[in-house]
Amino acid sequence: MQAIDSSAPPALRLALELGEVLPYLGEPRWYELLSGGLTNLNYRVAGSRGEVVVRVGTANAGLLAIDRKNERENSIRAAQVGVGAPVIASIEDPPVLVIGFLEGTTLCAADLRRGHLCRAVAGALQKLHSAEPFSARFDMFEIQRGYLKIVEENRFWLPAGYLDHQEAFGQIEAALRAHPEPLVPCNNDLLAENFIASNGEIRIIDYEYSGNNEASFEIGNIASESNLDLATLEILCEHYWGRKDPAKVARARLWGTASKYGWTLWASIQNSMASLDFDFISWGMEKYRRAVDEFGSIELKSLIEIVGQ
């Protein structure tokens, strides 16, 4: 914990001077840098009345398909349905978002793999997906193509054989687009750490990649990020959809494969542009290896056939 004085980061001090912040926070007392941010710096600030989180965006957001205005608007809509943190204030330049601090436990992948939280997670997703439509569309296939263009034009790192799987990626796209689900407001980046267990319910934070998307992408991406086994994914789908549905499970699995393939390129761009001390190559290769395994799986054809029916 550090005192809030002239040595505090300028963007943090600027945020705390906003007129909307002081009535919520009260007199600022201390701050600390929260761990985990890869595309922003997150500061927890305690005051005499409450606590806030000040999110300061990094400079390469545009290359990563992050729209800070979109993030703010969608964070507000998530808060309105009681699943996101309250939005208190924002600044466009520098990109700063001030939200209320959610007291609770940050989940990890192991928590989700145990399966006991599937019902609560599904309930949180249903809340989020019932929000007012978000202000943009998130399409992993378009995101992947945009990322690939950036990587190739700048000669960034690309895993060996990456382009060999473009055909399989295209087959998945064709199958998923054949009978699309209705679009709902999605977070689209639900690693376990973006779930907070707070006061007996699950809250969802971090709306950098939020946009209208299929619920099955949200579920499949959760399974991908936390490496859920098939049985746990089936339980999560059953709680979300209210029934056992092999077609929904298959759809989520294909979206999970597509997300791993796309996020691999996110790691490439971050590896070349970010100043953080983080091993983006190892992170990306873990995603890529699992995607390759799934592209080569004997199940891929049957999954494509199921969702294409």
C-alpha atoms as a PDB file:
ATOM      1  CA  MET A   1       0.000   0.000   0.000  1.00  0.00           C
ATOM      2  CA  GLN A   2       1.294   3.410  -0.950  1.00  0.00           C
ATOM      3  CA  ALA A   3       0.368   6.939   0.011  1.00  0.00           C
ATOM      4  CA  ILE A   4      -1.363   9.071  -2.594  1.00  0.00           C
ATOM      5  CA  ASP A   5       1.067  11.938  -3.039  1.00  0.00           C
ATOM      6  CA  SER A   6       3.124  13.540  -5.800  1.00  0.00           C
ATOM      7  CA  SER A   7       4.936  10.234  -6.374  1.00  0.00           C
ATOM      8  CA  ALA A   8       1.695   8.449  -7.376  1.00  0.00           C
ATOM      9  CA  PRO A   9       1.201   7.766 -11.116  1.00  0.00           C
ATOM     10  CA  PRO A  10      -0.044  10.896 -12.931  1.00  0.00           C
ATOM     11  CA  ALA A  11      -3.049   9.127 -14.492  1.00  0.00           C
ATOM     12  CA  LEU A  12      -4.105   7.880 -11.072  1.00  0.00           C
ATOM     13  CA  ARG A  13      -3.873  11.355  -9.534  1.00  0.00           C
ATOM     14  CA  LEU A  14      -5.807  12.782 -12.471  1.00  0.00           C
ATOM     15  CA  ALA A  15      -8.599  10.228 -12.006  1.00  0.00           C
ATOM     16  CA  LEU A  16      -8.917  11.006  -8.303  1.00  0.00           C
ATOM     17  CA  GLU A  17      -9.447  14.683  -9.107  1.00  0.00           C
ATOM     18  CA  LEU A  18     -12.609  13.962 -11.116  1.00  0.00           C
ATOM     19  CA  GLY A  19     -15.735  15.414  -9.553  1.00  0.00           C
ATOM     20  CA  GLU A  20     -17.648  12.120  -9.735  1.00  0.00           C
ATOM     21  CA  VAL A  21     -14.992  10.181  -7.833  1.00  0.00           C
ATOM     22  CA  LEU A  22     -14.632  12.015  -4.520  1.00  0.00           C
ATOM     23  CA  PRO A  23     -18.285  11.623  -3.398  1.00  0.00           C
ATOM     24  CA  TYR A  24     -17.922   7.834  -3.874  1.00  0.00           C
ATOM     25  CA  LEU A  25     -14.391   7.490  -2.548  1.00  0.00           C
ATOM     26  CA  GLY A  26     -14.181  10.197   0.098  1.00  0.00           C
ATOM     27  CA  GLU A  27     -10.741  11.310   1.190  1.00  0.00           C
ATOM     28  CA  PRO A  28      -8.131   9.132  -0.626  1.00  0.00           C
ATOM     29  CA  ARG A  29      -5.944   7.194   1.810  1.00  0.00           C
ATOM     30  CA  TRP A  30      -3.803   4.654  -0.064  1.00  0.00           C
ATOM     31  CA  TYR A  31      -3.461   2.757  -3.330  1.00  0.00           C
ATOM     32  CA  GLU A  32      -1.909  -0.457  -4.598  1.00  0.00           C
ATOM     33  CA  LEU A  33      -1.235  -1.888  -8.045  1.00  0.00           C
ATOM     34  CA  LEU A  34      -3.385  -4.947  -8.689  1.00  0.00           C
ATOM     35  CA  SER A  35      -1.838  -7.927 -10.425  1.00  0.00           C
ATOM     36  CA  GLY A  36      -3.024  -9.474 -13.664  1.00  0.00           C
ATOM     37  CA  GLY A  37      -3.517  -6.575 -16.064  1.00  0.00           C
ATOM     38  CA  LEU A  38      -1.963  -7.252 -19.488  1.00  0.00           C
ATOM     39  CA  THR A  39      -3.580  -4.428 -21.460  1.00  0.00           C
ATOM     40  CA  ASN A  40      -4.006  -1.920 -18.638  1.00  0.00           C
ATOM     41  CA  LEU A  41      -2.738  -1.010 -15.187  1.00  0.00           C
ATOM     42  CA  ASN A  42      -5.267  -1.461 -12.387  1.00  0.00           C
ATOM     43  CA  TYR A  43      -4.967   0.507  -9.165  1.00  0.00           C
ATOM     44  CA  ARG A  44      -7.061  -0.206  -6.104  1.00  0.00           C
ATOM     45  CA  VAL A  45      -7.665   2.998  -4.158  1.00  0.00           C
ATOM     46  CA  ALA A  46      -9.103   3.162  -0.641  1.00  0.00           C
ATOM     47  CA  GLY A  47     -10.811   6.256   0.722  1.00  0.00           C
ATOM     48  CA  SER A  48     -12.777   7.331   3.762  1.00  0.00           C
ATOM     49  CA  ARG A  49     -16.121   6.345   2.148  1.00  0.00           C
ATOM     50  CA  GLY A  50     -15.321   3.486  -0.183  1.00  0.00           C
ATOM     51  CA  GLU A  51     -12.899   1.935  -2.622  1.00  0.00           C
ATOM     52  CA  VAL A  52     -12.457   2.230  -6.374  1.00  0.00           C
ATOM     53  CA  VAL A  53     -10.379   0.641  -9.108  1.00  0.00           C
ATOM     54  CA  VAL A  54      -8.671   2.993 -11.539  1.00  0.00           C
ATOM     55  CA  ARG A  55      -7.997   1.278 -14.860  1.00  0.00           C
ATOM     56  CA  VAL A  56      -5.353   2.971 -17.002  1.00  0.00           C
ATOM     57  CA  GLY A  57      -5.215   1.717 -20.597  1.00  0.00           C
ATOM     58  CA  THR A  58      -2.016   0.927 -22.472  1.00  0.00           C
ATOM     59  CA  ALA A  59      -0.941   2.594 -25.694  1.00  0.00           C
ATOM     60  CA  ASN A  60      -1.370  -0.360 -28.101  1.00  0.00           C
ATOM     61  CA  ALA A  61      -5.078  -0.953 -27.477  1.00  0.00           C
ATOM     62  CA  GLY A  62      -6.070  -0.217 -31.068  1.00  0.00           C
ATOM     63  CA  LEU A  63      -3.848  -2.952 -32.463  1.00  0.00           C
ATOM     64  CA  LEU A  64      -5.531  -5.414 -30.110  1.00  0.00           C
ATOM     65  CA  ALA A  65      -9.053  -4.400 -31.205  1.00  0.00           C
ATOM     66  CA  ILE A  66      -9.796  -2.628 -27.916  1.00  0.00           C
ATOM     67  CA  ASP A  67     -12.097   0.387 -28.075  1.00  0.00           C
ATOM     68  CA  ARG A  68     -12.004   2.277 -24.769  1.00  0.00           C
ATOM     69  CA  LYS A  69     -15.259   4.142 -25.417  1.00  0.00           C
ATOM     70  CA  ASN A  70     -16.930   0.829 -26.170  1.00  0.00           C
ATOM     71  CA  GLU A  71     -15.449  -0.617 -22.962  1.00  0.00           C
ATOM     72  CA  ARG A  72     -16.934   2.217 -20.898  1.00  0.00           C
ATOM     73  CA  GLU A  73     -20.400   2.035 -22.437  1.00  0.00           C
ATOM     74  CA  ASN A  74     -20.615  -1.726 -22.103  1.00  0.00           C
ATOM     75  CA  SER A  75     -19.313  -1.633 -18.524  1.00  0.00           C
ATOM     76  CA  ILE A  76     -22.212   0.681 -17.686  1.00  0.00           C
ATOM     77  CA  ARG A  77     -24.737  -1.700 -19.243  1.00  0.00           C
ATOM     78  CA  ALA A  78     -23.235  -4.686 -17.392  1.00  0.00           C
ATOM     79  CA  ALA A  79     -23.495  -2.743 -14.122  1.00  0.00           C
ATOM     80  CA  GLN A  80     -27.137  -1.903 -14.832  1.00  0.00           C
ATOM     81  CA  VAL A  81     -28.096  -5.585 -14.722  1.00  0.00           C
ATOM     82  CA  GLY A  82     -26.134  -6.142 -11.525  1.00  0.00           C
ATOM     83  CA  VAL A  83     -23.308  -8.263 -12.884  1.00  0.00           C
ATOM     84  CA  GLY A  84     -20.597  -5.660 -13.489  1.00  0.00           C
ATOM     85  CA  ALA A  85     -18.937  -3.179 -11.153  1.00  0.00           C
ATOM     86  CA  PRO A  86     -20.474   0.316 -10.942  1.00  0.00           C
ATOM     87  CA  VAL A  87     -18.920   2.803 -13.366  1.00  0.00           C
ATOM     88  CA  ILE A  88     -18.042   6.048 -11.629  1.00  0.00           C
ATOM     89  CA  ALA A  89     -16.055   8.156 -14.099  1.00  0.00           C
ATOM     90  CA  SER A  90     -13.810   8.034 -17.148  1.00  0.00           C
ATOM     91  CA  ILE A  91     -11.249  10.049 -19.109  1.00  0.00           C
ATOM     92  CA  GLU A  92     -10.593   9.689 -22.827  1.00  0.00           C
ATOM     93  CA  ASP A  93      -6.979  10.898 -22.852  1.00  0.00           C
ATOM     94  CA  PRO A  94      -5.240   9.286 -21.094  1.00  0.00           C
ATOM     95  CA  PRO A  95      -7.661   6.330 -21.255  1.00  0.00           C
ATOM     96  CA  VAL A  96      -8.862   5.906 -17.682  1.00  0.00           C
ATOM     97  CA  LEU A  97     -11.927   4.152 -16.295  1.00  0.00           C
ATOM     98  CA  VAL A  98     -12.905   4.404 -12.629  1.00  0.00           C
ATOM     99  CA  ILE A  99     -15.151   1.655 -11.285  1.00  0.00           C
ATOM    100  CA  GLY A 100     -16.276   0.578  -7.847  1.00  0.00           C
ATOM    101  CA  PHE A 101     -14.150  -2.040  -6.117  1.00  0.00           C
ATOM    102  CA  LEU A 102     -15.937  -5.384  -5.725  1.00  0.00           C
ATOM    103  CA  GLU A 103     -15.117  -6.975  -2.406  1.00  0.00           C
ATOM    104  CA  GLY A 104     -14.813 -10.715  -2.892  1.00  0.00           C
ATOM    105  CA  THR A 105     -12.663 -13.581  -4.121  1.00  0.00           C
ATOM    106  CA  THR A 106     -11.080 -13.575  -7.555  1.00  0.00           C
ATOM    107  CA  LEU A 107     -11.570 -16.994  -9.116  1.00  0.00           C
ATOM    108  CA  CYS A 108      -8.892 -19.071 -10.796  1.00  0.00           C
ATOM    109  CA  ALA A 109      -9.036 -21.738 -13.494  1.00  0.00           C
ATOM    110  CA  ALA A 110      -8.872 -24.516 -10.911  1.00  0.00           C
ATOM    111  CA  ASP A 111     -12.059 -23.176  -9.308  1.00  0.00           C
ATOM    112  CA  LEU A 112     -13.944 -23.455 -12.584  1.00  0.00           C
ATOM    113  CA  ARG A 113     -12.510 -26.890 -13.386  1.00  0.00           C
ATOM    114  CA  ARG A 114     -13.980 -28.305 -10.173  1.00  0.00           C
ATOM    115  CA  GLY A 115     -17.443 -27.794 -11.661  1.00  0.00           C
ATOM    116  CA  HIS A 116     -19.207 -26.742  -8.460  1.00  0.00           C
ATOM    117  CA  LEU A 117     -19.608 -23.154  -9.703  1.00  0.00           C
ATOM    118  CA  CYS A 118     -21.249 -23.998 -13.036  1.00  0.00           C
ATOM    119  CA  ARG A 119     -24.732 -23.008 -11.902  1.00  0.00           C
ATOM    120  CA  ALA A 120     -23.530 -19.683 -10.456  1.00  0.00           C
ATOM    121  CA  VAL A 121     -21.416 -18.901 -13.519  1.00  0.00           C
ATOM    122  CA  ALA A 122     -24.329 -19.716 -15.837  1.00  0.00           C
ATOM    123  CA  GLY A 123     -26.540 -17.400 -13.798  1.00  0.00           C
ATOM    124  CA  ALA A 124     -24.026 -14.569 -14.089  1.00  0.00           C
ATOM    125  CA  LEU A 125     -23.841 -15.099 -17.849  1.00  0.00           C
ATOM    126  CA  GLN A 126     -27.621 -15.031 -18.139  1.00  0.00           C
ATOM    127  CA  LYS A 127     -27.663 -11.696 -16.308  1.00  0.00           C
ATOM    128  CA  LEU A 128     -24.988 -10.236 -18.539  1.00  0.00           C
ATOM    129  CA  HIS A 129     -26.618 -11.550 -21.696  1.00  0.00           C
ATOM    130  CA  SER A 130     -29.912  -9.911 -20.675  1.00  0.00           C
ATOM    131  CA  ALA A 131     -28.373  -6.428 -20.666  1.00  0.00           C
ATOM    132  CA  GLU A 132     -29.181  -3.733 -23.188  1.00  0.00           C
ATOM    133  CA  PRO A 133     -27.386  -4.518 -26.476  1.00  0.00           C
ATOM    134  CA  PHE A 134     -23.740  -3.538 -26.377  1.00  0.00           C
ATOM    135  CA  SER A 135     -22.353  -0.820 -28.594  1.00  0.00           C
ATOM    136  CA  ALA A 136     -20.322  -3.026 -30.926  1.00  0.00           C
ATOM    137  CA  ARG A 137     -20.096  -6.508 -32.440  1.00  0.00           C
ATOM    138  CA  PHE A 138     -17.380  -8.976 -31.465  1.00  0.00           C
ATOM    139  CA  ASP A 139     -16.604 -11.515 -34.186  1.00  0.00           C
ATOM    140  CA  MET A 140     -13.644 -13.805 -33.488  1.00  0.00           C
ATOM    141  CA  PHE A 141     -13.275 -14.694 -37.157  1.00  0.00           C
ATOM    142  CA  GLU A 142     -12.949 -11.042 -38.129  1.00  0.00           C
ATOM    143  CA  ILE A 143     -10.711 -10.379 -35.126  1.00  0.00           C
ATOM    144  CA  GLN A 144      -8.403 -13.224 -36.170  1.00  0.00           C
ATOM    145  CA  ARG A 145      -8.169 -11.898 -39.715  1.00  0.00           C
ATOM    146  CA  GLY A 146      -7.360  -8.420 -38.430  1.00  0.00           C
ATOM    147  CA  TYR A 147      -4.713  -9.755 -36.057  1.00  0.00           C
ATOM    148  CA  LEU A 148      -3.176 -11.905 -38.798  1.00  0.00           C
ATOM    149  CA  LYS A 149      -2.906  -8.897 -41.104  1.00  0.00           C
ATOM    150  CA  ILE A 150      -1.061  -6.937 -38.405  1.00  0.00           C
ATOM    151  CA  VAL A 151       1.256  -9.862 -37.655  1.00  0.00           C
ATOM    152  CA  GLU A 152       2.121 -10.487 -41.303  1.00  0.00           C
ATOM    153  CA  GLU A 153       2.561  -6.822 -42.237  1.00  0.00           C
ATOM    154  CA  ASN A 154       4.886  -6.214 -39.289  1.00  0.00           C
ATOM    155  CA  ARG A 155       6.643  -9.597 -39.497  1.00  0.00           C
ATOM    156  CA  PHE A 156       5.784 -10.380 -35.915  1.00  0.00           C
ATOM    157  CA  TRP A 157       6.329 -13.844 -34.443  1.00  0.00           C
ATOM    158  CA  LEU A 158       4.040 -16.529 -35.886  1.00  0.00           C
ATOM    159  CA  PRO A 159       4.036 -20.122 -34.605  1.00  0.00           C
ATOM    160  CA  ALA A 160       5.438 -22.665 -37.047  1.00  0.00           C
ATOM    161  CA  GLY A 161       2.650 -24.070 -39.194  1.00  0.00           C
ATOM    162  CA  TYR A 162       0.059 -21.507 -38.084  1.00  0.00           C
ATOM    163  CA  LEU A 163      -1.218 -20.872 -41.603  1.00  0.00           C
ATOM    164  CA  ASP A 164      -1.555 -24.610 -42.249  1.00  0.00           C
ATOM    165  CA  HIS A 165      -4.717 -24.559 -40.124  1.00  0.00           C
ATOM    166  CA  GLN A 166      -6.496 -21.741 -41.930  1.00  0.00           C
ATOM    167  CA  GLU A 167      -8.592 -24.241 -43.909  1.00  0.00           C
ATOM    168  CA  ALA A 168      -9.857 -25.995 -40.779  1.00  0.00           C
ATOM    169  CA  PHE A 169     -10.505 -22.608 -39.181  1.00  0.00           C
ATOM    170  CA  GLY A 170     -12.567 -21.687 -42.253  1.00  0.00           C
ATOM    171  CA  GLN A 171     -14.566 -24.910 -42.017  1.00  0.00           C
ATOM    172  CA  ILE A 172     -15.443 -24.087 -38.415  1.00  0.00           C
ATOM    173  CA  GLU A 173     -16.466 -20.586 -39.464  1.00  0.00           C
ATOM    174  CA  ALA A 174     -18.725 -21.899 -42.231  1.00  0.00           C
ATOM    175  CA  ALA A 175     -20.418 -24.343 -39.860  1.00  0.00           C
ATOM    176  CA  LEU A 176     -21.006 -21.750 -37.138  1.00  0.00           C
ATOM    177  CA  ARG A 177     -22.305 -19.161 -39.584  1.00  0.00           C
ATOM    178  CA  ALA A 178     -24.737 -21.611 -41.199  1.00  0.00           C
ATOM    179  CA  HIS A 179     -27.235 -21.375 -38.316  1.00  0.00           C
ATOM    180  CA  PRO A 180     -26.098 -18.477 -36.082  1.00  0.00           C
ATOM    181  CA  GLU A 181     -27.446 -17.878 -32.606  1.00  0.00           C
ATOM    182  CA  PRO A 182     -29.032 -14.533 -31.735  1.00  0.00           C
ATOM    183  CA  LEU A 183     -26.431 -12.020 -30.589  1.00  0.00           C
ATOM    184  CA  VAL A 184     -26.363 -11.053 -26.916  1.00  0.00           C
ATOM    185  CA  PRO A 185     -24.125  -8.727 -24.866  1.00  0.00           C
ATOM    186  CA  CYS A 186     -20.967 -10.731 -24.130  1.00  0.00           C
ATOM    187  CA  ASN A 187     -17.735 -10.110 -22.261  1.00  0.00           C
ATOM    188  CA  ASN A 188     -15.777 -12.280 -24.760  1.00  0.00           C
ATOM    189  CA  ASP A 189     -12.702 -12.552 -22.540  1.00  0.00           C
ATOM    190  CA  LEU A 190     -13.794 -14.631 -19.592  1.00  0.00           C
ATOM    191  CA  LEU A 191     -10.677 -16.096 -18.138  1.00  0.00           C
ATOM    192  CA  ALA A 192     -11.413 -17.225 -14.607  1.00  0.00           C
ATOM    193  CA  GLU A 193      -9.822 -14.134 -13.068  1.00  0.00           C
ATOM    194  CA  ASN A 194     -12.578 -11.973 -14.558  1.00  0.00           C
ATOM    195  CA  PHE A 195     -15.085 -13.677 -12.254  1.00  0.00           C
ATOM    196  CA  ILE A 196     -15.421 -12.325  -8.710  1.00  0.00           C
ATOM    197  CA  ALA A 197     -17.286 -14.323  -6.045  1.00  0.00           C
ATOM    198  CA  SER A 198     -18.910 -11.498  -4.087  1.00  0.00           C
ATOM    199  CA  ASN A 199     -21.672 -11.654  -1.460  1.00  0.00           C
ATOM    200  CA  GLY A 200     -22.904 -15.058  -2.572  1.00  0.00           C
ATOM    201  CA  GLU A 201     -23.003 -14.346  -6.304  1.00  0.00           C
ATOM    202  CA  ILE A 202     -20.667 -14.198  -9.274  1.00  0.00           C
ATOM    203  CA  ARG A 203     -19.796 -10.794 -10.723  1.00  0.00           C
ATOM    204  CA  ILE A 204     -18.001 -10.203 -14.023  1.00  0.00           C
ATOM    205  CA  ILE A 205     -15.320  -7.571 -14.619  1.00  0.00           C
ATOM    206  CA  ASP A 206     -13.146  -6.293 -17.502  1.00  0.00           C
ATOM    207  CA  TYR A 207     -15.113  -5.344 -20.605  1.00  0.00           C
ATOM    208  CA  GLU A 208     -12.234  -4.473 -22.949  1.00  0.00           C
ATOM    209  CA  TYR A 209     -13.321  -7.017 -25.568  1.00  0.00           C
ATOM    210  CA  SER A 210     -17.029  -6.805 -24.870  1.00  0.00           C
ATOM    211  CA  GLY A 211     -19.511  -6.780 -27.711  1.00  0.00           C
ATOM    212  CA  ASN A 212     -22.600  -8.483 -29.029  1.00  0.00           C
ATOM    213  CA  ASN A 213     -21.851 -12.123 -29.767  1.00  0.00           C
ATOM    214  CA  GLU A 214     -23.244 -15.625 -29.449  1.00  0.00           C
ATOM    215  CA  ALA A 215     -23.750 -17.011 -25.963  1.00  0.00           C
ATOM    216  CA  SER A 216     -22.028 -20.172 -27.181  1.00  0.00           C
ATOM    217  CA  PHE A 217     -18.862 -18.200 -27.879  1.00  0.00           C
ATOM    218  CA  GLU A 218     -18.901 -16.907 -24.299  1.00  0.00           C
ATOM    219  CA  ILE A 219     -19.295 -20.436 -22.935  1.00  0.00           C
ATOM    220  CA  GLY A 220     -16.754 -21.960 -25.315  1.00  0.00           C
ATOM    221  CA  ASN A 221     -14.210 -19.255 -24.531  1.00  0.00           C
ATOM    222  CA  ILE A 222     -14.649 -19.857 -20.792  1.00  0.00           C
ATOM    223  CA  ALA A 223     -13.989 -23.559 -21.391  1.00  0.00           C
ATOM    224  CA  SER A 224     -10.942 -22.703 -23.486  1.00  0.00           C
ATOM    225  CA  GLU A 225      -9.439 -20.202 -21.045  1.00  0.00           C
ATOM    226  CA  SER A 226      -9.810 -22.461 -18.007  1.00  0.00           C
ATOM    227  CA  ASN A 227      -9.259 -25.730 -19.909  1.00  0.00           C
ATOM    228  CA  LEU A 228     -12.515 -27.290 -18.740  1.00  0.00           C
ATOM    229  CA  ASP A 229     -13.013 -30.953 -19.442  1.00  0.00           C
ATOM    230  CA  LEU A 230     -15.953 -32.062 -21.569  1.00  0.00           C
ATOM    231  CA  ALA A 231     -18.076 -33.159 -18.598  1.00  0.00           C
ATOM    232  CA  THR A 232     -17.766 -29.738 -16.945  1.00  0.00           C
ATOM    233  CA  LEU A 233     -18.538 -27.952 -20.206  1.00  0.00           C
ATOM    234  CA  GLU A 234     -21.655 -30.091 -20.578  1.00  0.00           C
ATOM    235  CA  ILE A 235     -22.787 -29.133 -17.063  1.00  0.00           C
ATOM    236  CA  LEU A 236     -22.159 -25.442 -17.756  1.00  0.00           C
ATOM    237  CA  CYS A 237     -24.166 -25.641 -20.984  1.00  0.00           C
ATOM    238  CA  GLU A 238     -26.994 -27.474 -19.253  1.00  0.00           C
ATOM    239  CA  HIS A 239     -27.257 -24.831 -16.520  1.00  0.00           C
ATOM    240  CA  TYR A 240     -27.111 -22.001 -19.036  1.00  0.00           C
ATOM    241  CA  TRP A 241     -29.588 -23.393 -21.574  1.00  0.00           C
ATOM    242  CA  GLY A 242     -31.802 -25.169 -19.038  1.00  0.00           C
ATOM    243  CA  ARG A 243     -31.515 -28.507 -20.812  1.00  0.00           C
ATOM    244  CA  LYS A 244     -29.042 -31.063 -22.065  1.00  0.00           C
ATOM    245  CA  ASP A 245     -28.255 -30.152 -25.642  1.00  0.00           C
ATOM    246  CA  PRO A 246     -25.398 -31.880 -27.509  1.00  0.00           C
ATOM    247  CA  ALA A 247     -25.653 -29.322 -30.330  1.00  0.00           C
ATOM    248  CA  LYS A 248     -24.999 -26.437 -27.931  1.00  0.00           C
ATOM    249  CA  VAL A 249     -22.044 -28.300 -26.441  1.00  0.00           C
ATOM    250  CA  ALA A 250     -20.642 -28.923 -29.918  1.00  0.00           C
ATOM    251  CA  ARG A 251     -21.105 -25.257 -30.808  1.00  0.00           C
ATOM    252  CA  ALA A 252     -19.286 -24.141 -27.666  1.00  0.00           C
ATOM    253  CA  ARG A 253     -16.439 -26.544 -28.406  1.00  0.00           C
ATOM    254  CA  LEU A 254     -15.971 -25.169 -31.926  1.00  0.00           C
ATOM    255  CA  TRP A 255     -16.014 -21.609 -30.625  1.00  0.00           C
ATOM    256  CA  GLY A 256     -13.408 -22.634 -28.060  1.00  0.00           C
ATOM    257  CA  THR A 257     -11.121 -23.932 -30.803  1.00  0.00           C
ATOM    258  CA  ALA A 258     -11.629 -20.772 -32.851  1.00  0.00           C
ATOM    259  CA  SER A 259     -10.873 -18.568 -29.852  1.00  0.00           C
ATOM    260  CA  LYS A 260      -7.597 -20.354 -29.075  1.00  0.00           C
ATOM    261  CA  TYR A 261      -6.474 -19.962 -32.680  1.00  0.00           C
ATOM    262  CA  GLY A 262      -7.377 -16.274 -32.704  1.00  0.00           C
ATOM    263  CA  TRP A 263      -5.957 -15.358 -29.291  1.00  0.00           C
ATOM    264  CA  THR A 264      -2.632 -16.908 -30.339  1.00  0.00           C
ATOM    265  CA  LEU A 265      -2.154 -13.876 -32.589  1.00  0.00           C
ATOM    266  CA  TRP A 266      -3.090 -11.534 -29.728  1.00  0.00           C
ATOM    267  CA  ALA A 267      -0.059 -12.960 -27.949  1.00  0.00           C
ATOM    268  CA  SER A 268       2.120 -12.288 -30.993  1.00  0.00           C
ATOM    269  CA  ILE A 269       1.121  -8.619 -31.123  1.00  0.00           C
ATOM    270  CA  GLN A 270       1.557  -8.191 -27.394  1.00  0.00           C
ATOM    271  CA  ASN A 271       4.963  -9.863 -27.516  1.00  0.00           C
ATOM    272  CA  SER A 272       6.126  -7.283 -30.045  1.00  0.00           C
ATOM    273  CA  MET A 273       4.423  -4.186 -28.646  1.00  0.00           C
ATOM    274  CA  ALA A 274       3.894  -4.475 -24.888  1.00  0.00           C
ATOM    275  CA  SER A 275       6.455  -3.303 -22.353  1.00  0.00           C
ATOM    276  CA  LEU A 276       5.233  -5.679 -19.650  1.00  0.00           C
ATOM    277  CA  ASP A 277       7.479  -8.342 -18.155  1.00  0.00           C
ATOM    278  CA  PHE A 278       5.304 -11.252 -19.299  1.00  0.00           C
ATOM    279  CA  ASP A 279       6.034 -14.320 -21.422  1.00  0.00           C
ATOM    280  CA  PHE A 280       3.494 -13.770 -24.184  1.00  0.00           C
ATOM    281  CA  ILE A 281       5.103 -16.408 -26.422  1.00  0.00           C
ATOM    282  CA  SER A 282       4.598 -19.191 -23.895  1.00  0.00           C
ATOM    283  CA  TRP A 283       1.047 -17.973 -23.271  1.00  0.00           C
ATOM    284  CA  GLY A 284       0.296 -17.967 -26.984  1.00  0.00           C
ATOM    285  CA  MET A 285       1.945 -21.322 -27.657  1.00  0.00           C
ATOM    286  CA  GLU A 286      -0.162 -22.986 -24.981  1.00  0.00           C
ATOM    287  CA  LYS A 287      -3.277 -21.752 -26.797  1.00  0.00           C
ATOM    288  CA  TYR A 288      -1.880 -22.701 -30.197  1.00  0.00           C
ATOM    289  CA  ARG A 289      -0.885 -26.263 -29.262  1.00  0.00           C
ATOM    290  CA  ARG A 290      -4.353 -26.990 -27.933  1.00  0.00           C
ATOM    291  CA  ALA A 291      -5.942 -25.480 -31.041  1.00  0.00           C
ATOM    292  CA  VAL A 292      -3.747 -27.665 -33.256  1.00  0.00           C
ATOM    293  CA  ASP A 293      -4.758 -30.749 -31.273  1.00  0.00           C
ATOM    294  CA  GLU A 294      -8.416 -29.862 -31.766  1.00  0.00           C
ATOM    295  CA  PHE A 295      -7.998 -29.113 -35.486  1.00  0.00           C
ATOM    296  CA  GLY A 296      -6.479 -32.576 -35.862  1.00  0.00           C
ATOM    297  CA  SER A 297      -8.990 -34.376 -33.659  1.00  0.00           C
ATOM    298  CA  ILE A 298     -11.128 -37.125 -35.143  1.00  0.00           C
ATOM    299  CA  GLU A 299     -14.074 -35.385 -33.443  1.00  0.00           C
ATOM    300  CA  LEU A 300     -13.772 -32.179 -35.466  1.00  0.00           C
ATOM    301  CA  LYS A 301     -15.738 -33.470 -38.446  1.00  0.00           C
ATOM    302  CA  SER A 302     -18.618 -34.705 -36.297  1.00  0.00           C
ATOM    303  CA  LEU A 303     -18.757 -31.434 -34.329  1.00  0.00           C
ATOM    304  CA  ILE A 304     -18.940 -29.485 -37.595  1.00  0.00           C
ATOM    305  CA  GLU A 305     -21.700 -31.784 -38.856  1.00  0.00           C
ATOM    306  CA  ILE A 306     -23.702 -31.378 -35.630  1.00  0.00           C
ATOM    307  CA  VAL A 307     -23.693 -27.566 -35.677  1.00  0.00           C
ATOM    308  CA  GLY A 308     -24.267 -27.439 -39.426  1.00  0.00           C
ATOM    309  CA  GLN A 309     -27.511 -29.438 -39.275  1.00  0.00           C
END
